[in-house]
């Protein structure tokens, strides 16, 4: 059952990845925002979308929407901090391509988000 939830979480995460990259690209490349601010905007849009889909499909939760959303957003905010720190490290110190670094940071934060949302948000 846990593996099925993780697979669903990853599928939802992939939809979030598309939203995240798309929004980040629009704000960074088209609107000329700072790349880290564009990253934050993309991440927040994806996290909000992921909350709704995970609540309904992955965890089939019937808990309090406001409490769950605040928990999900809080976990995502810490995930955003982790994401940004990894991204900055890979781009600035390791001279990695921005989008490759973004993908790597998303993979790491996915594990963080799943574990904490499983244990805290959707109990």
PDB file of N, CA and C in Angstrom:
ATOM      1  N   UNK A   1       0.833  -1.203   0.000  1.00  0.00           N
ATOM      2  CA  UNK A   1       0.000   0.000   0.000  1.00  0.00           C
ATOM      3  C   UNK A   1       0.872   1.258   0.000  1.00  0.00           C
ATOM      4  N   UNK A   2       1.953   1.243   0.779  1.00  0.00           N
ATOM      5  CA  UNK A   2       2.855   2.394   0.838  1.00  0.00           C
ATOM      6  C   UNK A   2       3.520   2.631  -0.511  1.00  0.00           C
ATOM      7  N   UNK A   3       3.918   1.546  -1.179  1.00  0.00           N
ATOM      8  CA  UNK A   3       4.549   1.668  -2.489  1.00  0.00           C
ATOM      9  C   UNK A   3       3.571   2.269  -3.498  1.00  0.00           C
ATOM     10  N   UNK A   4       2.322   1.849  -3.447  1.00  0.00           N
ATOM     11  CA  UNK A   4       1.302   2.389  -4.358  1.00  0.00           C
ATOM     12  C   UNK A   4       1.138   3.889  -4.113  1.00  0.00           C
ATOM     13  N   UNK A   5       1.094   4.287  -2.843  1.00  0.00           N
ATOM     14  CA  UNK A   5       0.980   5.714  -2.523  1.00  0.00           C
ATOM     15  C   UNK A   5       2.187   6.490  -3.035  1.00  0.00           C
ATOM     16  N   UNK A   6       3.377   5.908  -2.874  1.00  0.00           N
ATOM     17  CA  UNK A   6       4.577   6.595  -3.349  1.00  0.00           C
ATOM     18  C   UNK A   6       4.561   6.734  -4.870  1.00  0.00           C
ATOM     19  N   UNK A   7       4.121   5.686  -5.565  1.00  0.00           N
ATOM     20  CA  UNK A   7       4.037   5.752  -7.035  1.00  0.00           C
ATOM     21  C   UNK A   7       3.036   6.826  -7.450  1.00  0.00           C
ATOM     22  N   UNK A   8       1.879   6.863  -6.801  1.00  0.00           N
ATOM     23  CA  UNK A   8       0.884   7.905  -7.097  1.00  0.00           C
ATOM     24  C   UNK A   8       1.463   9.295  -6.808  1.00  0.00           C
ATOM     25  N   UNK A   9       2.147   9.401  -5.664  1.00  0.00           N
ATOM     26  CA  UNK A   9       2.774  10.673  -5.281  1.00  0.00           C
ATOM     27  C   UNK A   9       3.765  11.118  -6.349  1.00  0.00           C
ATOM     28  N   UNK A  10       4.510  10.165  -6.893  1.00  0.00           N
ATOM     29  CA  UNK A  10       5.483  10.490  -7.939  1.00  0.00           C
ATOM     30  C   UNK A  10       4.795  10.884  -9.245  1.00  0.00           C
ATOM     31  N   UNK A  11       3.690  10.233  -9.570  1.00  0.00           N
ATOM     32  CA  UNK A  11       2.936  10.607 -10.767  1.00  0.00           C
ATOM     33  C   UNK A  11       2.396  12.027 -10.618  1.00  0.00           C
ATOM     34  N   UNK A  12       1.821  12.315  -9.463  1.00  0.00           N
ATOM     35  CA  UNK A  12       1.346  13.675  -9.184  1.00  0.00           C
ATOM     36  C   UNK A  12       2.526  14.638  -9.228  1.00  0.00           C
ATOM     37  N   UNK A  13       3.631  14.202  -8.659  1.00  0.00           N
ATOM     38  CA  UNK A  13       4.837  15.023  -8.675  1.00  0.00           C
ATOM     39  C   UNK A  13       5.307  15.337 -10.080  1.00  0.00           C
ATOM     40  N   UNK A  14       5.138  14.377 -10.990  1.00  0.00           N
ATOM     41  CA  UNK A  14       5.525  14.626 -12.379  1.00  0.00           C
ATOM     42  C   UNK A  14       4.654  15.721 -12.987  1.00  0.00           C
ATOM     43  N   UNK A  15       3.357  15.701 -12.680  1.00  0.00           N
ATOM     44  CA  UNK A  15       2.497  16.791 -13.175  1.00  0.00           C
ATOM     45  C   UNK A  15       2.955  18.113 -12.567  1.00  0.00           C
ATOM     46  N   UNK A  16       3.361  18.057 -11.302  1.00  0.00           N
ATOM     47  CA  UNK A  16       3.902  19.247 -10.651  1.00  0.00           C
ATOM     48  C   UNK A  16       5.209  19.693 -11.283  1.00  0.00           C
ATOM     49  N   UNK A  17       6.003  18.722 -11.709  1.00  0.00           N
ATOM     50  CA  UNK A  17       7.264  19.024 -12.384  1.00  0.00           C
ATOM     51  C   UNK A  17       7.010  19.828 -13.656  1.00  0.00           C
ATOM     52  N   UNK A  18       5.997  19.411 -14.414  1.00  0.00           N
ATOM     53  CA  UNK A  18       5.645  20.121 -15.643  1.00  0.00           C
ATOM     54  C   UNK A  18       5.200  21.552 -15.312  1.00  0.00           C
ATOM     55  N   UNK A  19       4.358  21.683 -14.292  1.00  0.00           N
ATOM     56  CA  UNK A  19       3.904  23.012 -13.868  1.00  0.00           C
ATOM     57  C   UNK A  19       5.097  23.832 -13.377  1.00  0.00           C
ATOM     58  N   UNK A  20       5.923  23.218 -12.532  1.00  0.00           N
ATOM     59  CA  UNK A  20       7.079  23.897 -11.950  1.00  0.00           C
ATOM     60  C   UNK A  20       8.022  24.407 -13.038  1.00  0.00           C
ATOM     61  N   UNK A  21       8.426  23.528 -13.942  1.00  0.00           N
ATOM     62  CA  UNK A  21       9.345  23.931 -15.011  1.00  0.00           C
ATOM     63  C   UNK A  21       8.699  24.964 -15.929  1.00  0.00           C
ATOM     64  N   UNK A  22       7.424  24.762 -16.246  1.00  0.00           N
ATOM     65  CA  UNK A  22       6.733  25.694 -17.141  1.00  0.00           C
ATOM     66  C   UNK A  22       6.629  27.085 -16.554  1.00  0.00           C
ATOM     67  N   UNK A  23       6.203  27.168 -15.311  1.00  0.00           N
ATOM     68  CA  UNK A  23       6.065  28.471 -14.652  1.00  0.00           C
ATOM     69  C   UNK A  23       7.439  29.104 -14.447  1.00  0.00           C
ATOM     70  N   UNK A  24       8.409  28.294 -14.011  1.00  0.00           N
ATOM     71  CA  UNK A  24       9.770  28.813 -13.829  1.00  0.00           C
ATOM     72  C   UNK A  24      10.301  29.382 -15.140  1.00  0.00           C
ATOM     73  N   UNK A  25      10.134  28.645 -16.208  1.00  0.00           N
ATOM     74  CA  UNK A  25      10.590  29.103 -17.521  1.00  0.00           C
ATOM     75  C   UNK A  25       9.916  30.420 -17.904  1.00  0.00           C
ATOM     76  N   UNK A  26       8.602  30.491 -17.748  1.00  0.00           N
ATOM     77  CA  UNK A  26       7.881  31.723 -18.109  1.00  0.00           C
ATOM     78  C   UNK A  26       8.387  32.929 -17.325  1.00  0.00           C
ATOM     79  N   UNK A  27       8.552  32.744 -16.013  1.00  0.00           N
ATOM     80  CA  UNK A  27       8.995  33.871 -15.193  1.00  0.00           C
ATOM     81  C   UNK A  27      10.471  34.205 -15.397  1.00  0.00           C
ATOM     82  N   UNK A  28      11.305  33.180 -15.590  1.00  0.00           N
ATOM     83  CA  UNK A  28      12.745  33.427 -15.765  1.00  0.00           C
ATOM     84  C   UNK A  28      13.063  33.951 -17.161  1.00  0.00           C
ATOM     85  N   UNK A  29      12.581  33.258 -18.163  1.00  0.00           N
ATOM     86  CA  UNK A  29      12.977  33.572 -19.542  1.00  0.00           C
ATOM     87  C   UNK A  29      12.117  34.656 -20.192  1.00  0.00           C
ATOM     88  N   UNK A  30      10.837  34.627 -19.938  1.00  0.00           N
ATOM     89  CA  UNK A  30       9.940  35.570 -20.610  1.00  0.00           C
ATOM     90  C   UNK A  30       9.715  36.847 -19.797  1.00  0.00           C
ATOM     91  N   UNK A  31       9.481  36.684 -18.485  1.00  0.00           N
ATOM     92  CA  UNK A  31       9.226  37.857 -17.646  1.00  0.00           C
ATOM     93  C   UNK A  31      10.518  38.447 -17.072  1.00  0.00           C
ATOM     94  N   UNK A  32      11.642  37.729 -17.262  1.00  0.00           N
ATOM     95  CA  UNK A  32      12.978  38.187 -16.845  1.00  0.00           C
ATOM     96  C   UNK A  32      13.111  38.380 -15.330  1.00  0.00           C
ATOM     97  N   UNK A  33      12.423  37.512 -14.562  1.00  0.00           N
ATOM     98  CA  UNK A  33      12.575  37.521 -13.111  1.00  0.00           C
ATOM     99  C   UNK A  33      13.927  36.904 -12.763  1.00  0.00           C
ATOM    100  N   UNK A  34      14.410  37.208 -11.567  1.00  0.00           N
ATOM    101  CA  UNK A  34      15.587  36.535 -11.031  1.00  0.00           C
ATOM    102  C   UNK A  34      15.319  35.030 -11.038  1.00  0.00           C
ATOM    103  N   UNK A  35      16.323  34.228 -11.404  1.00  0.00           N
ATOM    104  CA  UNK A  35      16.103  32.787 -11.557  1.00  0.00           C
ATOM    105  C   UNK A  35      15.663  32.101 -10.268  1.00  0.00           C
ATOM    106  N   UNK A  36      16.093  32.600  -9.116  1.00  0.00           N
ATOM    107  CA  UNK A  36      15.702  31.971  -7.860  1.00  0.00           C
ATOM    108  C   UNK A  36      14.283  32.370  -7.452  1.00  0.00           C
ATOM    109  N   UNK A  37      13.887  33.573  -7.785  1.00  0.00           N
ATOM    110  CA  UNK A  37      12.498  33.987  -7.545  1.00  0.00           C
ATOM    111  C   UNK A  37      11.573  33.229  -8.498  1.00  0.00           C
ATOM    112  N   UNK A  38      11.973  33.111  -9.756  1.00  0.00           N
ATOM    113  CA  UNK A  38      11.192  32.330 -10.721  1.00  0.00           C
ATOM    114  C   UNK A  38      11.061  30.889 -10.251  1.00  0.00           C
ATOM    115  N   UNK A  39      12.135  30.338  -9.711  1.00  0.00           N
ATOM    116  CA  UNK A  39      12.113  28.985  -9.167  1.00  0.00           C
ATOM    117  C   UNK A  39      11.100  28.872  -8.034  1.00  0.00           C
ATOM    118  N   UNK A  40      11.085  29.846  -7.140  1.00  0.00           N
ATOM    119  CA  UNK A  40      10.148  29.828  -6.008  1.00  0.00           C
ATOM    120  C   UNK A  40       8.699  29.891  -6.492  1.00  0.00           C
ATOM    121  N   UNK A  41       8.422  30.739  -7.462  1.00  0.00           N
ATOM    122  CA  UNK A  41       7.067  30.858  -8.000  1.00  0.00           C
ATOM    123  C   UNK A  41       6.627  29.539  -8.640  1.00  0.00           C
ATOM    124  N   UNK A  42       7.511  28.945  -9.432  1.00  0.00           N
ATOM    125  CA  UNK A  42       7.194  27.656 -10.051  1.00  0.00           C
ATOM    126  C   UNK A  42       6.943  26.576  -9.019  1.00  0.00           C
ATOM    127  N   UNK A  43       7.762  26.555  -8.000  1.00  0.00           N
ATOM    128  CA  UNK A  43       7.640  25.556  -6.942  1.00  0.00           C
ATOM    129  C   UNK A  43       6.323  25.710  -6.192  1.00  0.00           C
ATOM    130  N   UNK A  44       5.941  26.938  -5.868  1.00  0.00           N
ATOM    131  CA  UNK A  44       4.701  27.187  -5.132  1.00  0.00           C
ATOM    132  C   UNK A  44       3.476  26.810  -5.971  1.00  0.00           C
ATOM    133  N   UNK A  45       3.482  27.138  -7.248  1.00  0.00           N
ATOM    134  CA  UNK A  45       2.369  26.752  -8.132  1.00  0.00           C
ATOM    135  C   UNK A  45       2.239  25.237  -8.193  1.00  0.00           C
ATOM    136  N   UNK A  46       3.353  24.561  -8.324  1.00  0.00           N
ATOM    137  CA  UNK A  46       3.337  23.100  -8.384  1.00  0.00           C
ATOM    138  C   UNK A  46       2.875  22.506  -7.057  1.00  0.00           C
ATOM    139  N   UNK A  47       3.330  23.056  -5.940  1.00  0.00           N
ATOM    140  CA  UNK A  47       2.945  22.537  -4.627  1.00  0.00           C
ATOM    141  C   UNK A  47       1.442  22.660  -4.402  1.00  0.00           C
ATOM    142  N   UNK A  48       0.852  23.761  -4.819  1.00  0.00           N
ATOM    143  CA  UNK A  48      -0.596  23.949  -4.652  1.00  0.00           C
ATOM    144  C   UNK A  48      -1.379  22.944  -5.494  1.00  0.00           C
ATOM    145  N   UNK A  49      -0.960  22.758  -6.720  1.00  0.00           N
ATOM    146  CA  UNK A  49      -1.596  21.768  -7.588  1.00  0.00           C
ATOM    147  C   UNK A  49      -1.427  20.363  -7.007  1.00  0.00           C
ATOM    148  N   UNK A  50      -0.233  20.067  -6.552  1.00  0.00           N
ATOM    149  CA  UNK A  50       0.040  18.749  -5.985  1.00  0.00           C
ATOM    150  C   UNK A  50      -0.798  18.467  -4.741  1.00  0.00           C
ATOM    151  N   UNK A  51      -1.028  19.485  -3.927  1.00  0.00           N
ATOM    152  CA  UNK A  51      -1.854  19.288  -2.726  1.00  0.00           C
ATOM    153  C   UNK A  51      -3.237  18.781  -3.113  1.00  0.00           C
ATOM    154  N   UNK A  52      -3.864  19.459  -4.042  1.00  0.00           N
ATOM    155  CA  UNK A  52      -5.231  19.108  -4.428  1.00  0.00           C
ATOM    156  C   UNK A  52      -5.288  17.680  -4.970  1.00  0.00           C
ATOM    157  N   UNK A  53      -4.390  17.354  -5.884  1.00  0.00           N
ATOM    158  CA  UNK A  53      -4.421  16.026  -6.505  1.00  0.00           C
ATOM    159  C   UNK A  53      -4.037  14.941  -5.496  1.00  0.00           C
ATOM    160  N   UNK A  54      -3.029  15.203  -4.662  1.00  0.00           N
ATOM    161  CA  UNK A  54      -2.633  14.207  -3.658  1.00  0.00           C
ATOM    162  C   UNK A  54      -3.732  13.980  -2.630  1.00  0.00           C
ATOM    163  N   UNK A  55      -4.401  15.022  -2.236  1.00  0.00           N
ATOM    164  CA  UNK A  55      -5.491  14.893  -1.259  1.00  0.00           C
ATOM    165  C   UNK A  55      -6.575  13.972  -1.792  1.00  0.00           C
ATOM    166  N   UNK A  56      -6.934  14.167  -3.053  1.00  0.00           N
ATOM    167  CA  UNK A  56      -8.037  13.415  -3.645  1.00  0.00           C
ATOM    168  C   UNK A  56      -7.592  12.021  -4.082  1.00  0.00           C
ATOM    169  N   UNK A  57      -6.491  11.922  -4.807  1.00  0.00           N
ATOM    170  CA  UNK A  57      -6.131  10.671  -5.465  1.00  0.00           C
ATOM    171  C   UNK A  57      -5.139   9.820  -4.678  1.00  0.00           C
ATOM    172  N   UNK A  58      -4.032  10.402  -4.262  1.00  0.00           N
ATOM    173  CA  UNK A  58      -2.972   9.616  -3.625  1.00  0.00           C
ATOM    174  C   UNK A  58      -3.371   9.140  -2.242  1.00  0.00           C
ATOM    175  N   UNK A  59      -3.821  10.079  -1.402  1.00  0.00           N
ATOM    176  CA  UNK A  59      -4.092   9.755  -0.004  1.00  0.00           C
ATOM    177  C   UNK A  59      -5.578   9.579   0.290  1.00  0.00           C
ATOM    178  N   UNK A  60      -6.436   9.919  -0.680  1.00  0.00           N
ATOM    179  CA  UNK A  60      -7.888   9.826  -0.519  1.00  0.00           C
ATOM    180  C   UNK A  60      -8.305  10.319   0.853  1.00  0.00           C
ATOM    181  N   UNK A  61      -7.882  11.512   1.156  1.00  0.00           N
ATOM    182  CA  UNK A  61      -8.053  12.082   2.479  1.00  0.00           C
ATOM    183  C   UNK A  61      -9.383  12.795   2.619  1.00  0.00           C
ATOM    184  N   UNK A  62      -9.918  12.693   3.813  1.00  0.00           N
ATOM    185  CA  UNK A  62     -11.155  13.399   4.135  1.00  0.00           C
ATOM    186  C   UNK A  62     -10.951  14.274   5.369  1.00  0.00           C
ATOM    187  N   UNK A  63      -9.709  14.582   5.670  1.00  0.00           N
ATOM    188  CA  UNK A  63      -9.378  15.401   6.832  1.00  0.00           C
ATOM    189  C   UNK A  63      -9.715  16.859   6.600  1.00  0.00           C
ATOM    190  N   UNK A  64      -9.402  17.648   7.583  1.00  0.00           N
ATOM    191  CA  UNK A  64      -9.684  19.074   7.523  1.00  0.00           C
ATOM    192  C   UNK A  64      -8.841  19.732   6.437  1.00  0.00           C
ATOM    193  N   UNK A  65      -9.514  20.345   5.492  1.00  0.00           N
ATOM    194  CA  UNK A  65      -8.833  20.924   4.334  1.00  0.00           C
ATOM    195  C   UNK A  65      -7.860  22.024   4.752  1.00  0.00           C
ATOM    196  N   UNK A  66      -8.276  22.931   5.602  1.00  0.00           N
ATOM    197  CA  UNK A  66      -7.418  24.065   5.976  1.00  0.00           C
ATOM    198  C   UNK A  66      -6.184  23.569   6.721  1.00  0.00           C
ATOM    199  N   UNK A  67      -6.373  22.672   7.704  1.00  0.00           N
ATOM    200  CA  UNK A  67      -5.228  22.140   8.455  1.00  0.00           C
ATOM    201  C   UNK A  67      -4.276  21.409   7.515  1.00  0.00           C
ATOM    202  N   UNK A  68      -4.838  20.589   6.637  1.00  0.00           N
ATOM    203  CA  UNK A  68      -3.999  19.834   5.715  1.00  0.00           C
ATOM    204  C   UNK A  68      -3.260  20.753   4.746  1.00  0.00           C
ATOM    205  N   UNK A  69      -3.970  21.736   4.219  1.00  0.00           N
ATOM    206  CA  UNK A  69      -3.314  22.635   3.262  1.00  0.00           C
ATOM    207  C   UNK A  69      -2.183  23.397   3.937  1.00  0.00           C
ATOM    208  N   UNK A  70      -2.422  23.893   5.150  1.00  0.00           N
ATOM    209  CA  UNK A  70      -1.364  24.620   5.866  1.00  0.00           C
ATOM    210  C   UNK A  70      -0.177  23.706   6.165  1.00  0.00           C
ATOM    211  N   UNK A  71      -0.463  22.470   6.532  1.00  0.00           N
ATOM    212  CA  UNK A  71       0.605  21.505   6.773  1.00  0.00           C
ATOM    213  C   UNK A  71       1.375  21.233   5.479  1.00  0.00           C
ATOM    214  N   UNK A  72       0.632  20.991   4.400  1.00  0.00           N
ATOM    215  CA  UNK A  72       1.248  20.705   3.100  1.00  0.00           C
ATOM    216  C   UNK A  72       2.103  21.878   2.642  1.00  0.00           C
ATOM    217  N   UNK A  73       1.573  23.084   2.782  1.00  0.00           N
ATOM    218  CA  UNK A  73       2.310  24.278   2.359  1.00  0.00           C
ATOM    219  C   UNK A  73       3.545  24.490   3.241  1.00  0.00           C
ATOM    220  N   UNK A  74       3.416  24.220   4.529  1.00  0.00           N
ATOM    221  CA  UNK A  74       4.573  24.360   5.429  1.00  0.00           C
ATOM    222  C   UNK A  74       5.677  23.383   5.065  1.00  0.00           C
ATOM    223  N   UNK A  75       5.294  22.142   4.825  1.00  0.00           N
ATOM    224  CA  UNK A  75       6.274  21.130   4.411  1.00  0.00           C
ATOM    225  C   UNK A  75       6.884  21.529   3.065  1.00  0.00           C
ATOM    226  N   UNK A  76       6.036  22.022   2.167  1.00  0.00           N
ATOM    227  CA  UNK A  76       6.531  22.468   0.859  1.00  0.00           C
ATOM    228  C   UNK A  76       7.468  23.666   0.990  1.00  0.00           C
ATOM    229  N   UNK A  77       7.171  24.555   1.944  1.00  0.00           N
ATOM    230  CA  UNK A  77       8.034  25.726   2.146  1.00  0.00           C
ATOM    231  C   UNK A  77       9.425  25.298   2.606  1.00  0.00           C
ATOM    232  N   UNK A  78       9.482  24.343   3.517  1.00  0.00           N
ATOM    233  CA  UNK A  78      10.785  23.816   3.935  1.00  0.00           C
ATOM    234  C   UNK A  78      11.429  23.100   2.750  1.00  0.00           C
ATOM    235  N   UNK A  79      10.609  22.389   1.984  1.00  0.00           N
ATOM    236  CA  UNK A  79      11.104  21.749   0.767  1.00  0.00           C
ATOM    237  C   UNK A  79      11.650  22.766  -0.212  1.00  0.00           C
ATOM    238  N   UNK A  80      10.977  23.913  -0.309  1.00  0.00           N
ATOM    239  CA  UNK A  80      11.457  24.994  -1.180  1.00  0.00           C
ATOM    240  C   UNK A  80      12.819  25.495  -0.712  1.00  0.00           C
ATOM    241  N   UNK A  81      12.984  25.646   0.579  1.00  0.00           N
ATOM    242  CA  UNK A  81      14.282  26.067   1.110  1.00  0.00           C
ATOM    243  C   UNK A  81      15.354  25.044   0.760  1.00  0.00           C
ATOM    244  N   UNK A  82      15.054  23.774   0.985  1.00  0.00           N
ATOM    245  CA  UNK A  82      16.003  22.710   0.638  1.00  0.00           C
ATOM    246  C   UNK A  82      16.288  22.742  -0.860  1.00  0.00           C
ATOM    247  N   UNK A  83      15.220  22.858  -1.657  1.00  0.00           N
ATOM    248  CA  UNK A  83      15.328  22.919  -3.110  1.00  0.00           C
ATOM    249  C   UNK A  83      16.251  24.056  -3.543  1.00  0.00           C
ATOM    250  N   UNK A  84      16.027  25.229  -2.987  1.00  0.00           N
ATOM    251  CA  UNK A  84      16.805  26.416  -3.361  1.00  0.00           C
ATOM    252  C   UNK A  84      18.270  26.275  -2.950  1.00  0.00           C
ATOM    253  N   UNK A  85      18.508  25.757  -1.750  1.00  0.00           N
ATOM    254  CA  UNK A  85      19.890  25.580  -1.294  1.00  0.00           C
ATOM    255  C   UNK A  85      20.640  24.582  -2.175  1.00  0.00           C
ATOM    256  N   UNK A  86      19.988  23.484  -2.518  1.00  0.00           N
ATOM    257  CA  UNK A  86      20.610  22.501  -3.408  1.00  0.00           C
ATOM    258  C   UNK A  86      20.856  23.123  -4.776  1.00  0.00           C
ATOM    259  N   UNK A  87      19.854  23.835  -5.279  1.00  0.00           N
ATOM    260  CA  UNK A  87      19.957  24.486  -6.586  1.00  0.00           C
ATOM    261  C   UNK A  87      21.121  25.477  -6.606  1.00  0.00           C
ATOM    262  N   UNK A  88      21.198  26.315  -5.588  1.00  0.00           N
ATOM    263  CA  UNK A  88      22.283  27.300  -5.533  1.00  0.00           C
ATOM    264  C   UNK A  88      23.643  26.623  -5.450  1.00  0.00           C
ATOM    265  N   UNK A  89      23.732  25.579  -4.642  1.00  0.00           N
ATOM    266  CA  UNK A  89      24.993  24.860  -4.506  1.00  0.00           C
ATOM    267  C   UNK A  89      25.419  24.254  -5.849  1.00  0.00           C
ATOM    268  N   UNK A  90      24.484  23.569  -6.504  1.00  0.00           N
ATOM    269  CA  UNK A  90      24.826  22.908  -7.758  1.00  0.00           C
ATOM    270  C   UNK A  90      25.167  23.906  -8.862  1.00  0.00           C
ATOM    271  N   UNK A  91      24.452  25.035  -8.896  1.00  0.00           N
ATOM    272  CA  UNK A  91      24.703  26.035  -9.942  1.00  0.00           C
ATOM    273  C   UNK A  91      25.981  26.824  -9.653  1.00  0.00           C
ATOM    274  N   UNK A  92      26.111  27.327  -8.426  1.00  0.00           N
ATOM    275  CA  UNK A  92      27.234  28.218  -8.110  1.00  0.00           C
ATOM    276  C   UNK A  92      28.533  27.479  -7.825  1.00  0.00           C
ATOM    277  N   UNK A  93      28.457  26.404  -7.052  1.00  0.00           N
ATOM    278  CA  UNK A  93      29.680  25.711  -6.646  1.00  0.00           C
ATOM    279  C   UNK A  93      30.093  24.601  -7.611  1.00  0.00           C
ATOM    280  N   UNK A  94      29.098  23.888  -8.119  1.00  0.00           N
ATOM    281  CA  UNK A  94      29.404  22.748  -8.992  1.00  0.00           C
ATOM    282  C   UNK A  94      29.311  23.117 -10.476  1.00  0.00           C
ATOM    283  N   UNK A  95      28.907  24.364 -10.769  1.00  0.00           N
ATOM    284  CA  UNK A  95      28.802  24.881 -12.146  1.00  0.00           C
ATOM    285  C   UNK A  95      27.880  24.014 -13.022  1.00  0.00           C
ATOM    286  N   UNK A  96      26.836  23.490 -12.401  1.00  0.00           N
ATOM    287  CA  UNK A  96      25.863  22.651 -13.100  1.00  0.00           C
ATOM    288  C   UNK A  96      24.881  23.535 -13.873  1.00  0.00           C
ATOM    289  N   UNK A  97      24.377  23.042 -14.982  1.00  0.00           N
ATOM    290  CA  UNK A  97      23.323  23.722 -15.722  1.00  0.00           C
ATOM    291  C   UNK A  97      22.128  23.945 -14.794  1.00  0.00           C
ATOM    292  N   UNK A  98      21.506  25.118 -14.869  1.00  0.00           N
ATOM    293  CA  UNK A  98      20.404  25.490 -13.980  1.00  0.00           C
ATOM    294  C   UNK A  98      19.284  24.454 -14.003  1.00  0.00           C
ATOM    295  N   UNK A  99      18.870  24.027 -15.185  1.00  0.00           N
ATOM    296  CA  UNK A  99      17.733  23.112 -15.275  1.00  0.00           C
ATOM    297  C   UNK A  99      18.083  21.686 -14.856  1.00  0.00           C
ATOM    298  N   UNK A 100      19.312  21.258 -15.081  1.00  0.00           N
ATOM    299  CA  UNK A 100      19.756  19.954 -14.585  1.00  0.00           C
ATOM    300  C   UNK A 100      19.788  19.994 -13.055  1.00  0.00           C
ATOM    301  N   UNK A 101      20.320  21.072 -12.510  1.00  0.00           N
ATOM    302  CA  UNK A 101      20.373  21.235 -11.057  1.00  0.00           C
ATOM    303  C   UNK A 101      18.966  21.286 -10.465  1.00  0.00           C
ATOM    304  N   UNK A 102      18.060  21.944 -11.146  1.00  0.00           N
ATOM    305  CA  UNK A 102      16.676  22.032 -10.687  1.00  0.00           C
ATOM    306  C   UNK A 102      16.050  20.641 -10.649  1.00  0.00           C
ATOM    307  N   UNK A 103      16.294  19.837 -11.661  1.00  0.00           N
ATOM    308  CA  UNK A 103      15.757  18.480 -11.704  1.00  0.00           C
ATOM    309  C   UNK A 103      16.294  17.648 -10.534  1.00  0.00           C
ATOM    310  N   UNK A 104      17.585  17.723 -10.278  1.00  0.00           N
ATOM    311  CA  UNK A 104      18.204  16.990  -9.167  1.00  0.00           C
ATOM    312  C   UNK A 104      17.605  17.425  -7.839  1.00  0.00           C
ATOM    313  N   UNK A 105      17.443  18.721  -7.662  1.00  0.00           N
ATOM    314  CA  UNK A 105      16.891  19.214  -6.400  1.00  0.00           C
ATOM    315  C   UNK A 105      15.441  18.764  -6.224  1.00  0.00           C
ATOM    316  N   UNK A 106      14.694  18.691  -7.298  1.00  0.00           N
ATOM    317  CA  UNK A 106      13.310  18.218  -7.218  1.00  0.00           C
ATOM    318  C   UNK A 106      13.263  16.754  -6.798  1.00  0.00           C
ATOM    319  N   UNK A 107      14.151  15.932  -7.314  1.00  0.00           N
ATOM    320  CA  UNK A 107      14.180  14.522  -6.918  1.00  0.00           C
ATOM    321  C   UNK A 107      14.407  14.374  -5.412  1.00  0.00           C
ATOM    322  N   UNK A 108      15.337  15.124  -4.883  1.00  0.00           N
ATOM    323  CA  UNK A 108      15.643  15.049  -3.451  1.00  0.00           C
ATOM    324  C   UNK A 108      14.467  15.545  -2.621  1.00  0.00           C
ATOM    325  N   UNK A 109      13.881  16.647  -3.014  1.00  0.00           N
ATOM    326  CA  UNK A 109      12.778  17.236  -2.253  1.00  0.00           C
ATOM    327  C   UNK A 109      11.520  16.364  -2.348  1.00  0.00           C
ATOM    328  N   UNK A 110      11.368  15.599  -3.416  1.00  0.00           N
ATOM    329  CA  UNK A 110      10.221  14.692  -3.534  1.00  0.00           C
ATOM    330  C   UNK A 110      10.202  13.687  -2.387  1.00  0.00           C
ATOM    331  N   UNK A 111      11.344  13.130  -2.073  1.00  0.00           N
ATOM    332  CA  UNK A 111      11.432  12.161  -0.972  1.00  0.00           C
ATOM    333  C   UNK A 111      11.077  12.838   0.349  1.00  0.00           C
ATOM    334  N   UNK A 112      11.619  14.019   0.579  1.00  0.00           N
ATOM    335  CA  UNK A 112      11.295  14.819   1.770  1.00  0.00           C
ATOM    336  C   UNK A 112       9.786  15.045   1.867  1.00  0.00           C
ATOM    337  N   UNK A 113       9.205  15.546   0.794  1.00  0.00           N
ATOM    338  CA  UNK A 113       7.781  15.888   0.808  1.00  0.00           C
ATOM    339  C   UNK A 113       6.898  14.661   1.040  1.00  0.00           C
ATOM    340  N   UNK A 114       7.208  13.552   0.379  1.00  0.00           N
ATOM    341  CA  UNK A 114       6.389  12.352   0.553  1.00  0.00           C
ATOM    342  C   UNK A 114       6.407  11.889   2.002  1.00  0.00           C
ATOM    343  N   UNK A 115       7.581  11.744   2.555  1.00  0.00           N
ATOM    344  CA  UNK A 115       7.701  11.221   3.922  1.00  0.00           C
ATOM    345  C   UNK A 115       6.966  12.103   4.927  1.00  0.00           C
ATOM    346  N   UNK A 116       7.172  13.389   4.866  1.00  0.00           N
ATOM    347  CA  UNK A 116       6.534  14.254   5.842  1.00  0.00           C
ATOM    348  C   UNK A 116       5.024  14.384   5.634  1.00  0.00           C
ATOM    349  N   UNK A 117       4.591  14.422   4.392  1.00  0.00           N
ATOM    350  CA  UNK A 117       3.150  14.491   4.151  1.00  0.00           C
ATOM    351  C   UNK A 117       2.455  13.191   4.565  1.00  0.00           C
ATOM    352  N   UNK A 118       3.116  12.063   4.368  1.00  0.00           N
ATOM    353  CA  UNK A 118       2.568  10.778   4.795  1.00  0.00           C
ATOM    354  C   UNK A 118       2.419  10.737   6.317  1.00  0.00           C
ATOM    355  N   UNK A 119       3.438  11.239   7.005  1.00  0.00           N
ATOM    356  CA  UNK A 119       3.463  11.152   8.470  1.00  0.00           C
ATOM    357  C   UNK A 119       2.707  12.281   9.181  1.00  0.00           C
ATOM    358  N   UNK A 120       2.548  13.423   8.524  1.00  0.00           N
ATOM    359  CA  UNK A 120       1.964  14.589   9.200  1.00  0.00           C
ATOM    360  C   UNK A 120       0.656  15.064   8.561  1.00  0.00           C
ATOM    361  N   UNK A 121       0.682  15.300   7.271  1.00  0.00           N
ATOM    362  CA  UNK A 121      -0.457  15.957   6.614  1.00  0.00           C
ATOM    363  C   UNK A 121      -1.650  15.040   6.439  1.00  0.00           C
ATOM    364  N   UNK A 122      -1.428  13.890   5.849  1.00  0.00           N
ATOM    365  CA  UNK A 122      -2.540  13.019   5.460  1.00  0.00           C
ATOM    366  C   UNK A 122      -2.679  11.811   6.373  1.00  0.00           C
ATOM    367  N   UNK A 123      -2.631  12.030   7.684  1.00  0.00           N
ATOM    368  CA  UNK A 123      -2.778  10.926   8.649  1.00  0.00           C
ATOM    369  C   UNK A 123      -4.236  10.699   8.995  1.00  0.00           C
TER     370      UNK A 123
END
